[in-house]
Amino acid sequence: MERHRRLIAAGVEVFGTLGYSGAKIKTLCKSAGLSERYFYESFESREHLLGTVFNHLDALLTEQIAGALQAPGMDLLASARAGMEAVVNFMLNDPRHARIMLVEVVGVSPELEAKRHQSMSDFADESLQLLLLLSGIDPVHGQEQLTARLGVVEAARIFEGARLTAVSMVGGVNNMMLDALLSGTRHDTERISDVAFQLIYNASQGVRAVAEKP
């Protein structure tokens, strides 16, 4: 277990600085302070380690988002802003995280593409819940309530529009962070968080306007 943990930490360091293509087994083992024999006891290949590192970072990010959203003493708007700050700070305060999750896993294999897509889909689902709450819509019973007032077709249209909006917001936030990572210039995480929050807040007002029409 300890060797496994050290190899994951080495993966974060090496993949996050040298990149996947520049990460040799020998380099990973040296960073972990282990021989290659121990590497193959835990992982089948560099790709296997990269996938495990991605899962590790994804779990840490999910935990930080949940902690930010559930922090006591905040109203809905403050929680939404805190959630966006958690994402941006996790990715950009340690650029290794952003490099691995936004750059290094892209195109490596169908399996890693599936992991990446699932992570973005999960983030979009969380964003959708928040978008609906900011719009004044109950994420659990809202479609049923809108159906009773506006009809099946219109209620479905509103919810599908909200879902697509959440997907587009995730793409937009990811691209802002990718731009900050690759620009080579100093990035302002507070400003990026502000814009990310403004995206979801503005979108929620559009959804609210449609949902509240007579």
C-alpha atoms as a PDB file:
ATOM      1  CA  MET A   1       0.000   0.000   0.000  1.00  0.00           C
ATOM      2  CA  GLU A   2       2.801   2.412   0.861  1.00  0.00           C
ATOM      3  CA  ARG A   3       4.613   1.619  -2.409  1.00  0.00           C
ATOM      4  CA  HIS A   4       1.360   2.098  -4.310  1.00  0.00           C
ATOM      5  CA  ARG A   5       0.864   5.498  -2.666  1.00  0.00           C
ATOM      6  CA  ARG A   6       4.428   6.551  -3.464  1.00  0.00           C
ATOM      7  CA  LEU A   7       4.001   5.596  -7.117  1.00  0.00           C
ATOM      8  CA  ILE A   8       0.802   7.647  -7.370  1.00  0.00           C
ATOM      9  CA  ALA A   9       2.606  10.635  -5.824  1.00  0.00           C
ATOM     10  CA  ALA A  10       5.436  10.101  -8.311  1.00  0.00           C
ATOM     11  CA  GLY A  11       2.880   9.996 -11.118  1.00  0.00           C
ATOM     12  CA  VAL A  12       1.440  13.347 -10.063  1.00  0.00           C
ATOM     13  CA  GLU A  13       4.922  14.848 -10.023  1.00  0.00           C
ATOM     14  CA  VAL A  14       6.315  13.322 -13.212  1.00  0.00           C
ATOM     15  CA  PHE A  15       3.196  13.387 -15.401  1.00  0.00           C
ATOM     16  CA  GLY A  16       2.433  16.874 -14.087  1.00  0.00           C
ATOM     17  CA  THR A  17       5.868  18.262 -14.942  1.00  0.00           C
ATOM     18  CA  LEU A  18       7.436  16.168 -17.713  1.00  0.00           C
ATOM     19  CA  GLY A  19       4.179  15.033 -19.273  1.00  0.00           C
ATOM     20  CA  TYR A  20       3.010  11.552 -20.155  1.00  0.00           C
ATOM     21  CA  SER A  21       5.182  11.200 -23.253  1.00  0.00           C
ATOM     22  CA  GLY A  22       8.265  12.301 -21.317  1.00  0.00           C
ATOM     23  CA  ALA A  23       7.607  10.031 -18.340  1.00  0.00           C
ATOM     24  CA  LYS A  24       9.704   6.874 -18.439  1.00  0.00           C
ATOM     25  CA  ILE A  25       9.203   3.977 -16.032  1.00  0.00           C
ATOM     26  CA  LYS A  26      12.709   4.566 -14.713  1.00  0.00           C
ATOM     27  CA  THR A  27      11.922   8.241 -14.046  1.00  0.00           C
ATOM     28  CA  LEU A  28       8.700   7.367 -12.235  1.00  0.00           C
ATOM     29  CA  CYS A  29      10.462   4.786 -10.081  1.00  0.00           C
ATOM     30  CA  LYS A  30      13.289   7.171  -9.255  1.00  0.00           C
ATOM     31  CA  SER A  31      10.775   9.803  -8.168  1.00  0.00           C
ATOM     32  CA  ALA A  32       9.028   7.209  -5.980  1.00  0.00           C
ATOM     33  CA  GLY A  33      12.324   5.902  -4.612  1.00  0.00           C
ATOM     34  CA  LEU A  34      11.474   2.370  -5.764  1.00  0.00           C
ATOM     35  CA  SER A  35      12.887  -0.204  -8.162  1.00  0.00           C
ATOM     36  CA  GLU A  36      11.106  -1.081 -11.404  1.00  0.00           C
ATOM     37  CA  ARG A  37      10.135  -4.460  -9.941  1.00  0.00           C
ATOM     38  CA  TYR A  38       7.872  -2.709  -7.470  1.00  0.00           C
ATOM     39  CA  PHE A  39       6.313  -0.648 -10.240  1.00  0.00           C
ATOM     40  CA  TYR A  40       5.099  -3.740 -12.055  1.00  0.00           C
ATOM     41  CA  GLU A  41       3.735  -5.194  -8.830  1.00  0.00           C
ATOM     42  CA  SER A  42       1.222  -2.348  -8.746  1.00  0.00           C
ATOM     43  CA  PHE A  43       0.759  -1.250 -12.354  1.00  0.00           C
ATOM     44  CA  GLU A  44       0.744  -2.924 -15.748  1.00  0.00           C
ATOM     45  CA  SER A  45       2.040   0.112 -17.635  1.00  0.00           C
ATOM     46  CA  ARG A  46       2.540   3.882 -17.615  1.00  0.00           C
ATOM     47  CA  GLU A  47      -1.011   4.223 -18.935  1.00  0.00           C
ATOM     48  CA  HIS A  48      -2.346   2.196 -16.019  1.00  0.00           C
ATOM     49  CA  LEU A  49      -0.576   4.544 -13.588  1.00  0.00           C
ATOM     50  CA  LEU A  50      -1.799   7.620 -15.468  1.00  0.00           C
ATOM     51  CA  GLY A  51      -5.388   6.376 -15.210  1.00  0.00           C
ATOM     52  CA  THR A  52      -4.955   5.738 -11.491  1.00  0.00           C
ATOM     53  CA  VAL A  53      -3.456   9.197 -10.980  1.00  0.00           C
ATOM     54  CA  PHE A  54      -6.382  10.731 -12.883  1.00  0.00           C
ATOM     55  CA  ASN A  55      -8.869   8.859 -10.675  1.00  0.00           C
ATOM     56  CA  HIS A  56      -6.951  10.004  -7.581  1.00  0.00           C
ATOM     57  CA  LEU A  57      -7.054  13.658  -8.607  1.00  0.00           C
ATOM     58  CA  ASP A  58     -10.681  13.425  -9.691  1.00  0.00           C
ATOM     59  CA  ALA A  59     -11.641  12.045  -6.268  1.00  0.00           C
ATOM     60  CA  LEU A  60      -9.711  14.816  -4.481  1.00  0.00           C
ATOM     61  CA  LEU A  61     -11.395  17.461  -6.637  1.00  0.00           C
ATOM     62  CA  THR A  62     -14.851  15.984  -5.990  1.00  0.00           C
ATOM     63  CA  GLU A  63     -14.140  16.011  -2.261  1.00  0.00           C
ATOM     64  CA  GLN A  64     -13.057  19.646  -2.315  1.00  0.00           C
ATOM     65  CA  ILE A  65     -16.099  20.721  -4.334  1.00  0.00           C
ATOM     66  CA  ALA A  66     -18.424  18.911  -1.923  1.00  0.00           C
ATOM     67  CA  GLY A  67     -16.698  20.512   1.041  1.00  0.00           C
ATOM     68  CA  ALA A  68     -17.049  23.976  -0.495  1.00  0.00           C
ATOM     69  CA  LEU A  69     -20.724  23.526  -1.375  1.00  0.00           C
ATOM     70  CA  GLN A  70     -21.610  22.127   2.046  1.00  0.00           C
ATOM     71  CA  ALA A  71     -19.666  24.617   4.154  1.00  0.00           C
ATOM     72  CA  PRO A  72     -21.920  25.976   6.928  1.00  0.00           C
ATOM     73  CA  GLY A  73     -23.110  29.544   7.142  1.00  0.00           C
ATOM     74  CA  MET A  74     -23.330  30.308   3.412  1.00  0.00           C
ATOM     75  CA  ASP A  75     -26.348  31.114   1.281  1.00  0.00           C
ATOM     76  CA  LEU A  76     -26.875  29.570  -2.163  1.00  0.00           C
ATOM     77  CA  LEU A  77     -24.988  32.258  -4.073  1.00  0.00           C
ATOM     78  CA  ALA A  78     -22.011  32.064  -1.734  1.00  0.00           C
ATOM     79  CA  SER A  79     -22.002  28.267  -2.000  1.00  0.00           C
ATOM     80  CA  ALA A  80     -22.059  28.456  -5.795  1.00  0.00           C
ATOM     81  CA  ARG A  81     -19.131  30.850  -5.804  1.00  0.00           C
ATOM     82  CA  ALA A  82     -17.233  28.671  -3.322  1.00  0.00           C
ATOM     83  CA  GLY A  83     -17.801  25.637  -5.537  1.00  0.00           C
ATOM     84  CA  MET A  84     -16.325  27.404  -8.548  1.00  0.00           C
ATOM     85  CA  GLU A  85     -13.387  28.636  -6.485  1.00  0.00           C
ATOM     86  CA  ALA A  86     -12.732  25.067  -5.313  1.00  0.00           C
ATOM     87  CA  VAL A  87     -12.460  23.857  -8.913  1.00  0.00           C
ATOM     88  CA  VAL A  88     -10.230  26.678 -10.119  1.00  0.00           C
ATOM     89  CA  ASN A  89      -7.962  26.659  -7.085  1.00  0.00           C
ATOM     90  CA  PHE A  90      -7.505  22.879  -7.164  1.00  0.00           C
ATOM     91  CA  MET A  91      -6.542  22.964 -10.817  1.00  0.00           C
ATOM     92  CA  LEU A  92      -4.421  26.094 -11.015  1.00  0.00           C
ATOM     93  CA  ASN A  93      -2.846  26.527  -7.593  1.00  0.00           C
ATOM     94  CA  ASP A  94      -1.056  23.267  -8.348  1.00  0.00           C
ATOM     95  CA  PRO A  95      -0.647  23.348 -12.154  1.00  0.00           C
ATOM     96  CA  ARG A  96       0.303  19.661 -12.159  1.00  0.00           C
ATOM     97  CA  HIS A  97      -3.348  18.903 -11.501  1.00  0.00           C
ATOM     98  CA  ALA A  98      -4.555  20.901 -14.492  1.00  0.00           C
ATOM     99  CA  ARG A  99      -1.850  19.513 -16.762  1.00  0.00           C
ATOM    100  CA  ILE A 100      -2.704  15.906 -15.944  1.00  0.00           C
ATOM    101  CA  MET A 101      -6.497  16.279 -16.002  1.00  0.00           C
ATOM    102  CA  LEU A 102      -6.824  18.691 -18.933  1.00  0.00           C
ATOM    103  CA  VAL A 103      -3.823  17.855 -21.138  1.00  0.00           C
ATOM    104  CA  GLU A 104      -1.945  14.656 -20.476  1.00  0.00           C
ATOM    105  CA  VAL A 105      -4.857  12.202 -20.484  1.00  0.00           C
ATOM    106  CA  VAL A 106      -6.277  13.540 -23.760  1.00  0.00           C
ATOM    107  CA  GLY A 107      -6.030  11.083 -26.623  1.00  0.00           C
ATOM    108  CA  VAL A 108      -3.896   8.510 -24.789  1.00  0.00           C
ATOM    109  CA  SER A 109      -6.413   5.673 -25.185  1.00  0.00           C
ATOM    110  CA  PRO A 110     -10.160   5.031 -25.469  1.00  0.00           C
ATOM    111  CA  GLU A 111     -10.157   3.924 -21.826  1.00  0.00           C
ATOM    112  CA  LEU A 112      -8.673   7.190 -20.588  1.00  0.00           C
ATOM    113  CA  GLU A 113     -10.975   9.182 -22.867  1.00  0.00           C
ATOM    114  CA  ALA A 114     -13.892   7.385 -21.208  1.00  0.00           C
ATOM    115  CA  LYS A 115     -12.554   8.330 -17.759  1.00  0.00           C
ATOM    116  CA  ARG A 116     -12.147  11.952 -18.840  1.00  0.00           C
ATOM    117  CA  HIS A 117     -15.634  12.086 -20.334  1.00  0.00           C
ATOM    118  CA  GLN A 118     -17.160  10.552 -17.203  1.00  0.00           C
ATOM    119  CA  SER A 119     -15.404  13.124 -15.027  1.00  0.00           C
ATOM    120  CA  MET A 120     -16.739  15.988 -17.165  1.00  0.00           C
ATOM    121  CA  SER A 121     -20.194  14.403 -17.193  1.00  0.00           C
ATOM    122  CA  ASP A 122     -20.180  14.159 -13.387  1.00  0.00           C
ATOM    123  CA  PHE A 123     -19.116  17.810 -13.140  1.00  0.00           C
ATOM    124  CA  ALA A 124     -21.908  18.748 -15.557  1.00  0.00           C
ATOM    125  CA  ASP A 125     -24.437  16.864 -13.398  1.00  0.00           C
ATOM    126  CA  GLU A 126     -23.266  18.757 -10.300  1.00  0.00           C
ATOM    127  CA  SER A 127     -23.403  22.028 -12.243  1.00  0.00           C
ATOM    128  CA  LEU A 128     -26.932  21.225 -13.413  1.00  0.00           C
ATOM    129  CA  GLN A 129     -28.126  20.719  -9.824  1.00  0.00           C
ATOM    130  CA  LEU A 130     -26.632  24.063  -8.851  1.00  0.00           C
ATOM    131  CA  LEU A 131     -28.000  25.780 -11.958  1.00  0.00           C
ATOM    132  CA  LEU A 132     -31.509  24.563 -11.197  1.00  0.00           C
ATOM    133  CA  LEU A 133     -31.317  25.669  -7.569  1.00  0.00           C
ATOM    134  CA  LEU A 134     -30.113  29.130  -8.633  1.00  0.00           C
ATOM    135  CA  SER A 135     -33.018  29.209 -11.107  1.00  0.00           C
ATOM    136  CA  GLY A 136     -35.513  28.543  -8.318  1.00  0.00           C
ATOM    137  CA  ILE A 137     -36.254  25.017  -9.592  1.00  0.00           C
ATOM    138  CA  ASP A 138     -36.261  21.936  -7.374  1.00  0.00           C
ATOM    139  CA  PRO A 139     -33.735  19.538  -8.976  1.00  0.00           C
ATOM    140  CA  VAL A 140     -35.754  16.509  -7.788  1.00  0.00           C
ATOM    141  CA  HIS A 141     -39.390  17.535  -8.283  1.00  0.00           C
ATOM    142  CA  GLY A 142     -38.984  20.553 -10.549  1.00  0.00           C
ATOM    143  CA  GLN A 143     -39.784  18.822 -13.830  1.00  0.00           C
ATOM    144  CA  GLU A 144     -42.958  17.346 -12.382  1.00  0.00           C
ATOM    145  CA  GLN A 145     -43.984  20.764 -11.046  1.00  0.00           C
ATOM    146  CA  LEU A 146     -43.250  22.483 -14.362  1.00  0.00           C
ATOM    147  CA  THR A 147     -45.129  19.757 -16.234  1.00  0.00           C
ATOM    148  CA  ALA A 148     -48.222  20.439 -14.148  1.00  0.00           C
ATOM    149  CA  ARG A 149     -48.027  24.141 -14.979  1.00  0.00           C
ATOM    150  CA  LEU A 150     -46.582  24.258 -18.504  1.00  0.00           C
ATOM    151  CA  GLY A 151     -47.165  20.809 -19.950  1.00  0.00           C
ATOM    152  CA  VAL A 152     -44.907  17.851 -20.691  1.00  0.00           C
ATOM    153  CA  VAL A 153     -43.253  19.225 -23.819  1.00  0.00           C
ATOM    154  CA  GLU A 154     -42.350  22.642 -22.399  1.00  0.00           C
ATOM    155  CA  ALA A 155     -41.117  21.217 -19.085  1.00  0.00           C
ATOM    156  CA  ALA A 156     -38.895  18.722 -20.930  1.00  0.00           C
ATOM    157  CA  ARG A 157     -37.593  21.516 -23.162  1.00  0.00           C
ATOM    158  CA  ILE A 158     -36.651  23.650 -20.148  1.00  0.00           C
ATOM    159  CA  PHE A 159     -34.847  20.792 -18.409  1.00  0.00           C
ATOM    160  CA  GLU A 160     -32.986  19.721 -21.535  1.00  0.00           C
ATOM    161  CA  GLY A 161     -31.964  23.334 -22.132  1.00  0.00           C
ATOM    162  CA  ALA A 162     -30.675  23.526 -18.569  1.00  0.00           C
ATOM    163  CA  ARG A 163     -28.727  20.281 -19.028  1.00  0.00           C
ATOM    164  CA  LEU A 164     -27.098  21.491 -22.235  1.00  0.00           C
ATOM    165  CA  THR A 165     -26.295  24.799 -20.550  1.00  0.00           C
ATOM    166  CA  ALA A 166     -24.537  22.944 -17.722  1.00  0.00           C
ATOM    167  CA  VAL A 167     -22.526  20.905 -20.244  1.00  0.00           C
ATOM    168  CA  SER A 168     -21.476  24.069 -22.075  1.00  0.00           C
ATOM    169  CA  MET A 169     -20.485  25.761 -18.796  1.00  0.00           C
ATOM    170  CA  VAL A 170     -18.216  22.849 -17.885  1.00  0.00           C
ATOM    171  CA  GLY A 171     -16.546  23.162 -21.272  1.00  0.00           C
ATOM    172  CA  GLY A 172     -16.178  26.901 -20.840  1.00  0.00           C
ATOM    173  CA  VAL A 173     -14.645  26.656 -17.367  1.00  0.00           C
ATOM    174  CA  ASN A 174     -12.284  23.894 -18.510  1.00  0.00           C
ATOM    175  CA  ASN A 175     -11.146  26.032 -21.439  1.00  0.00           C
ATOM    176  CA  MET A 176     -10.539  29.035 -19.202  1.00  0.00           C
ATOM    177  CA  MET A 177      -8.311  26.913 -16.988  1.00  0.00           C
ATOM    178  CA  LEU A 178      -6.577  25.366 -19.988  1.00  0.00           C
ATOM    179  CA  ASP A 179      -5.926  28.844 -21.385  1.00  0.00           C
ATOM    180  CA  ALA A 180      -4.436  29.918 -18.050  1.00  0.00           C
ATOM    181  CA  LEU A 181      -2.268  26.790 -17.907  1.00  0.00           C
ATOM    182  CA  LEU A 182      -0.921  27.031 -21.458  1.00  0.00           C
ATOM    183  CA  SER A 183      -0.615  30.798 -21.815  1.00  0.00           C
ATOM    184  CA  GLY A 184       2.677  30.896 -19.966  1.00  0.00           C
ATOM    185  CA  THR A 185       1.635  34.083 -18.187  1.00  0.00           C
ATOM    186  CA  ARG A 186       0.634  34.670 -14.584  1.00  0.00           C
ATOM    187  CA  HIS A 187      -3.004  33.755 -14.107  1.00  0.00           C
ATOM    188  CA  ASP A 188      -5.500  35.323 -11.737  1.00  0.00           C
ATOM    189  CA  THR A 189      -7.432  32.480 -10.104  1.00  0.00           C
ATOM    190  CA  GLU A 190      -9.786  34.905  -8.367  1.00  0.00           C
ATOM    191  CA  ARG A 191     -10.742  36.494 -11.682  1.00  0.00           C
ATOM    192  CA  ILE A 192     -11.237  33.102 -13.338  1.00  0.00           C
ATOM    193  CA  SER A 193     -13.435  32.012 -10.417  1.00  0.00           C
ATOM    194  CA  ASP A 194     -15.456  35.227 -10.722  1.00  0.00           C
ATOM    195  CA  VAL A 195     -16.090  34.638 -14.421  1.00  0.00           C
ATOM    196  CA  ALA A 196     -16.977  30.977 -13.807  1.00  0.00           C
ATOM    197  CA  PHE A 197     -19.502  32.013 -11.171  1.00  0.00           C
ATOM    198  CA  GLN A 198     -20.913  34.716 -13.450  1.00  0.00           C
ATOM    199  CA  LEU A 199     -21.437  32.125 -16.184  1.00  0.00           C
ATOM    200  CA  ILE A 200     -23.604  29.908 -14.000  1.00  0.00           C
ATOM    201  CA  TYR A 201     -25.418  32.846 -12.387  1.00  0.00           C
ATOM    202  CA  ASN A 202     -26.284  34.473 -15.732  1.00  0.00           C
ATOM    203  CA  ALA A 203     -27.391  31.126 -17.135  1.00  0.00           C
ATOM    204  CA  SER A 204     -29.618  30.542 -14.100  1.00  0.00           C
ATOM    205  CA  GLN A 205     -31.401  33.837 -14.689  1.00  0.00           C
ATOM    206  CA  GLY A 206     -32.136  32.795 -18.266  1.00  0.00           C
ATOM    207  CA  VAL A 207     -33.539  29.458 -17.127  1.00  0.00           C
ATOM    208  CA  ARG A 208     -35.564  31.204 -14.406  1.00  0.00           C
ATOM    209  CA  ALA A 209     -37.087  33.618 -16.939  1.00  0.00           C
ATOM    210  CA  VAL A 210     -38.201  30.763 -19.196  1.00  0.00           C
ATOM    211  CA  ALA A 211     -39.513  28.643 -16.307  1.00  0.00           C
ATOM    212  CA  GLU A 212     -41.497  31.500 -14.758  1.00  0.00           C
ATOM    213  CA  LYS A 213     -43.229  32.669 -17.920  1.00  0.00           C
ATOM    214  CA  PRO A 214     -47.044  32.589 -17.732  1.00  0.00           C
END
